[in-house]
């Protein structure tokens, strides 16, 4: 699946969903450093996306960047309170 997500993100670099899906695939493959720029782009392109903030938070946490992760966790929960359950 990864090549398909990479192609989609390459064809649609300004599409937040394409970036979110590629980041998710990379994170699933335990490649958080590679996923990070895609989640950052997804948040920049769609700052109202709770999922983008949440996955960025997960990624930052896995990279040991706890303070930044907490900021994005809070934003994700503010956008979608169900994520805090």
N, C-alpha and C. Protein backbone atom coordinates (compact mmCIF):
# COMPACT_ATOMS: atom_id res chain seq x y z
N UNK A 1 0.82 -1.20 0.00
CA UNK A 1 0.00 0.00 0.00
C UNK A 1 0.86 1.26 0.00
N UNK A 2 2.04 1.18 0.62
CA UNK A 2 2.88 2.37 0.73
C UNK A 2 3.15 3.02 -0.62
N UNK A 3 3.51 2.27 -1.67
CA UNK A 3 3.77 2.94 -2.96
C UNK A 3 2.56 3.72 -3.48
N UNK A 4 1.38 3.22 -3.21
CA UNK A 4 0.17 3.92 -3.66
C UNK A 4 -0.01 5.24 -2.91
N UNK A 5 0.24 5.22 -1.59
CA UNK A 5 0.13 6.44 -0.81
C UNK A 5 1.23 7.43 -1.20
N UNK A 6 2.42 6.93 -1.48
CA UNK A 6 3.51 7.80 -1.92
C UNK A 6 3.15 8.47 -3.25
N UNK A 7 2.58 7.70 -4.15
CA UNK A 7 2.19 8.25 -5.45
C UNK A 7 1.08 9.29 -5.29
N UNK A 8 0.11 8.99 -4.47
CA UNK A 8 -0.99 9.94 -4.25
C UNK A 8 -0.46 11.25 -3.67
N UNK A 9 0.44 11.17 -2.70
CA UNK A 9 1.00 12.37 -2.09
C UNK A 9 1.87 13.14 -3.09
N UNK A 10 2.55 12.42 -3.97
CA UNK A 10 3.37 13.08 -4.99
C UNK A 10 2.49 13.79 -6.01
N UNK A 11 1.38 13.16 -6.37
CA UNK A 11 0.47 13.77 -7.34
C UNK A 11 -0.36 14.90 -6.74
N UNK A 12 -0.63 14.80 -5.45
CA UNK A 12 -1.50 15.77 -4.77
C UNK A 12 -0.81 16.30 -3.51
N UNK A 13 0.33 16.99 -3.65
CA UNK A 13 1.09 17.41 -2.46
C UNK A 13 0.34 18.40 -1.56
N UNK A 14 -0.66 19.07 -2.09
CA UNK A 14 -1.43 20.03 -1.29
C UNK A 14 -2.74 19.45 -0.78
N UNK A 15 -2.87 18.13 -0.87
CA UNK A 15 -4.08 17.46 -0.39
C UNK A 15 -3.80 16.91 1.01
N UNK A 16 -4.46 17.47 2.02
CA UNK A 16 -4.15 17.03 3.38
C UNK A 16 -4.46 15.55 3.63
N UNK A 17 -5.50 15.02 3.00
CA UNK A 17 -5.84 13.60 3.19
C UNK A 17 -4.76 12.69 2.61
N UNK A 18 -4.21 13.05 1.46
CA UNK A 18 -3.14 12.25 0.87
C UNK A 18 -1.91 12.24 1.78
N UNK A 19 -1.60 13.41 2.35
CA UNK A 19 -0.45 13.49 3.25
C UNK A 19 -0.71 12.72 4.54
N UNK A 20 -1.95 12.82 5.04
CA UNK A 20 -2.32 12.10 6.26
C UNK A 20 -2.21 10.60 6.05
N UNK A 21 -2.69 10.10 4.92
CA UNK A 21 -2.66 8.66 4.66
C UNK A 21 -1.22 8.15 4.49
N UNK A 22 -0.39 8.93 3.81
CA UNK A 22 1.01 8.53 3.66
C UNK A 22 1.71 8.51 5.01
N UNK A 23 1.49 9.54 5.80
CA UNK A 23 2.08 9.57 7.14
C UNK A 23 1.63 8.40 7.97
N UNK A 24 0.36 8.06 7.90
CA UNK A 24 -0.18 6.93 8.66
C UNK A 24 0.48 5.62 8.22
N UNK A 25 0.63 5.44 6.93
CA UNK A 25 1.30 4.23 6.43
C UNK A 25 2.73 4.14 6.95
N UNK A 26 3.44 5.25 6.91
CA UNK A 26 4.82 5.25 7.39
C UNK A 26 4.89 5.01 8.89
N UNK A 27 3.97 5.62 9.63
CA UNK A 27 3.95 5.41 11.08
C UNK A 27 3.65 3.95 11.40
N UNK A 28 2.75 3.34 10.67
CA UNK A 28 2.41 1.93 10.85
C UNK A 28 3.63 1.04 10.60
N UNK A 29 4.50 1.47 9.70
CA UNK A 29 5.72 0.73 9.40
C UNK A 29 6.87 1.08 10.34
N UNK A 30 6.53 1.77 11.45
CA UNK A 30 7.53 2.17 12.45
C UNK A 30 8.59 3.09 11.87
N UNK A 31 8.12 4.03 11.03
CA UNK A 31 9.03 5.02 10.44
C UNK A 31 8.55 6.42 10.80
N UNK A 32 8.56 6.75 12.12
CA UNK A 32 8.01 8.04 12.55
C UNK A 32 8.77 9.24 11.99
N UNK A 33 10.06 9.14 11.85
CA UNK A 33 10.82 10.28 11.31
C UNK A 33 10.41 10.58 9.87
N UNK A 34 10.09 9.53 9.11
CA UNK A 34 9.64 9.72 7.73
C UNK A 34 8.19 10.21 7.69
N UNK A 35 7.40 9.80 8.68
CA UNK A 35 5.99 10.21 8.73
C UNK A 35 5.82 11.67 9.14
N UNK A 36 6.73 12.15 9.97
CA UNK A 36 6.61 13.49 10.56
C UNK A 36 6.31 14.60 9.56
N UNK A 37 7.08 14.75 8.48
CA UNK A 37 6.80 15.87 7.58
C UNK A 37 5.42 15.78 6.90
N UNK A 38 4.92 14.57 6.76
CA UNK A 38 3.61 14.41 6.13
C UNK A 38 2.50 14.82 7.08
N UNK A 39 2.63 14.49 8.37
CA UNK A 39 1.65 14.94 9.34
C UNK A 39 1.75 16.44 9.55
N UNK A 40 2.96 16.98 9.56
CA UNK A 40 3.10 18.44 9.68
C UNK A 40 2.43 19.13 8.50
N UNK A 41 2.60 18.58 7.31
CA UNK A 41 1.96 19.16 6.12
C UNK A 41 0.45 19.04 6.21
N UNK A 42 -0.05 17.90 6.67
CA UNK A 42 -1.50 17.71 6.80
C UNK A 42 -2.09 18.74 7.75
N UNK A 43 -1.42 18.99 8.86
CA UNK A 43 -1.90 20.00 9.82
C UNK A 43 -1.84 21.39 9.21
N UNK A 44 -0.76 21.70 8.51
CA UNK A 44 -0.64 23.01 7.88
C UNK A 44 -1.71 23.23 6.82
N UNK A 45 -2.01 22.18 6.07
CA UNK A 45 -3.01 22.28 5.01
C UNK A 45 -4.44 22.27 5.53
N UNK A 46 -4.66 21.60 6.66
CA UNK A 46 -6.00 21.52 7.24
C UNK A 46 -5.90 21.59 8.76
N UNK A 47 -5.74 22.81 9.29
CA UNK A 47 -5.56 22.96 10.74
C UNK A 47 -6.76 22.53 11.57
N UNK A 48 -7.89 22.30 10.93
CA UNK A 48 -9.10 21.85 11.64
C UNK A 48 -9.24 20.33 11.66
N UNK A 49 -8.25 19.62 11.17
CA UNK A 49 -8.30 18.16 11.14
C UNK A 49 -7.82 17.58 12.47
N UNK A 50 -8.77 17.06 13.23
CA UNK A 50 -8.43 16.44 14.51
C UNK A 50 -7.51 15.25 14.30
N UNK A 51 -7.78 14.46 13.26
CA UNK A 51 -6.95 13.28 12.99
C UNK A 51 -5.51 13.67 12.66
N UNK A 52 -5.33 14.73 11.91
CA UNK A 52 -3.97 15.16 11.57
C UNK A 52 -3.21 15.59 12.82
N UNK A 53 -3.87 16.35 13.69
CA UNK A 53 -3.23 16.74 14.94
C UNK A 53 -2.92 15.53 15.81
N UNK A 54 -3.88 14.61 15.88
CA UNK A 54 -3.70 13.43 16.72
C UNK A 54 -2.53 12.57 16.23
N UNK A 55 -2.48 12.33 14.94
CA UNK A 55 -1.39 11.49 14.42
C UNK A 55 -0.04 12.20 14.49
N UNK A 56 -0.06 13.53 14.34
CA UNK A 56 1.17 14.28 14.54
C UNK A 56 1.62 14.15 15.99
N UNK A 57 0.67 14.22 16.91
CA UNK A 57 1.01 14.06 18.33
C UNK A 57 1.62 12.68 18.60
N UNK A 58 1.00 11.63 18.06
CA UNK A 58 1.55 10.28 18.23
C UNK A 58 2.98 10.18 17.71
N UNK A 59 3.20 10.80 16.57
CA UNK A 59 4.52 10.75 15.95
C UNK A 59 5.54 11.51 16.77
N UNK A 60 5.18 12.71 17.19
CA UNK A 60 6.09 13.50 18.01
C UNK A 60 6.43 12.78 19.32
N UNK A 61 5.42 12.16 19.91
CA UNK A 61 5.65 11.40 21.16
C UNK A 61 6.64 10.27 20.91
N UNK A 62 6.47 9.56 19.81
CA UNK A 62 7.37 8.44 19.53
C UNK A 62 8.80 8.91 19.27
N UNK A 63 8.94 10.18 18.88
CA UNK A 63 10.27 10.75 18.65
C UNK A 63 10.83 11.44 19.90
N UNK A 64 10.08 11.35 21.01
CA UNK A 64 10.54 11.92 22.27
C UNK A 64 10.28 13.41 22.40
N UNK A 65 9.48 13.98 21.54
CA UNK A 65 9.19 15.41 21.56
C UNK A 65 7.85 15.62 22.28
N UNK A 66 7.89 15.38 23.59
CA UNK A 66 6.68 15.28 24.41
C UNK A 66 5.92 16.60 24.50
N UNK A 67 6.60 17.71 24.72
CA UNK A 67 5.90 19.00 24.86
C UNK A 67 5.14 19.34 23.58
N UNK A 68 5.78 19.13 22.44
CA UNK A 68 5.11 19.39 21.16
C UNK A 68 3.94 18.42 20.96
N UNK A 69 4.16 17.17 21.34
CA UNK A 69 3.09 16.17 21.21
C UNK A 69 1.88 16.59 22.03
N UNK A 70 2.11 17.05 23.25
CA UNK A 70 1.00 17.45 24.12
C UNK A 70 0.20 18.60 23.52
N UNK A 71 0.88 19.52 22.86
CA UNK A 71 0.19 20.63 22.20
C UNK A 71 -0.78 20.10 21.15
N UNK A 72 -0.33 19.15 20.36
CA UNK A 72 -1.18 18.61 19.29
C UNK A 72 -2.25 17.66 19.84
N UNK A 73 -1.95 16.96 20.93
CA UNK A 73 -3.00 16.16 21.58
C UNK A 73 -4.14 17.07 22.03
N UNK A 74 -3.78 18.18 22.69
CA UNK A 74 -4.80 19.12 23.17
C UNK A 74 -5.62 19.68 22.02
N UNK A 75 -4.96 20.02 20.93
CA UNK A 75 -5.68 20.57 19.76
C UNK A 75 -6.60 19.51 19.17
N UNK A 76 -6.14 18.28 19.06
CA UNK A 76 -6.96 17.20 18.52
C UNK A 76 -8.22 17.00 19.37
N UNK A 77 -8.05 17.01 20.68
CA UNK A 77 -9.19 16.80 21.57
C UNK A 77 -10.14 17.99 21.54
N UNK A 78 -9.59 19.19 21.38
CA UNK A 78 -10.46 20.36 21.26
C UNK A 78 -11.32 20.29 19.99
N UNK A 79 -10.74 19.76 18.93
CA UNK A 79 -11.46 19.62 17.66
C UNK A 79 -12.42 18.43 17.67
N UNK A 80 -12.05 17.37 18.38
CA UNK A 80 -12.88 16.16 18.44
C UNK A 80 -12.75 15.55 19.82
N UNK A 81 -13.63 15.93 20.74
CA UNK A 81 -13.53 15.44 22.12
C UNK A 81 -13.53 13.92 22.26
N UNK A 82 -14.05 13.19 21.28
CA UNK A 82 -14.06 11.74 21.38
C UNK A 82 -12.64 11.16 21.37
N UNK A 83 -11.67 11.91 20.88
CA UNK A 83 -10.28 11.43 20.88
C UNK A 83 -9.69 11.38 22.27
N UNK A 84 -10.31 12.08 23.21
CA UNK A 84 -9.79 12.10 24.58
C UNK A 84 -10.30 10.97 25.45
N UNK A 85 -11.10 10.11 24.89
CA UNK A 85 -11.65 9.00 25.67
C UNK A 85 -10.75 7.80 25.69
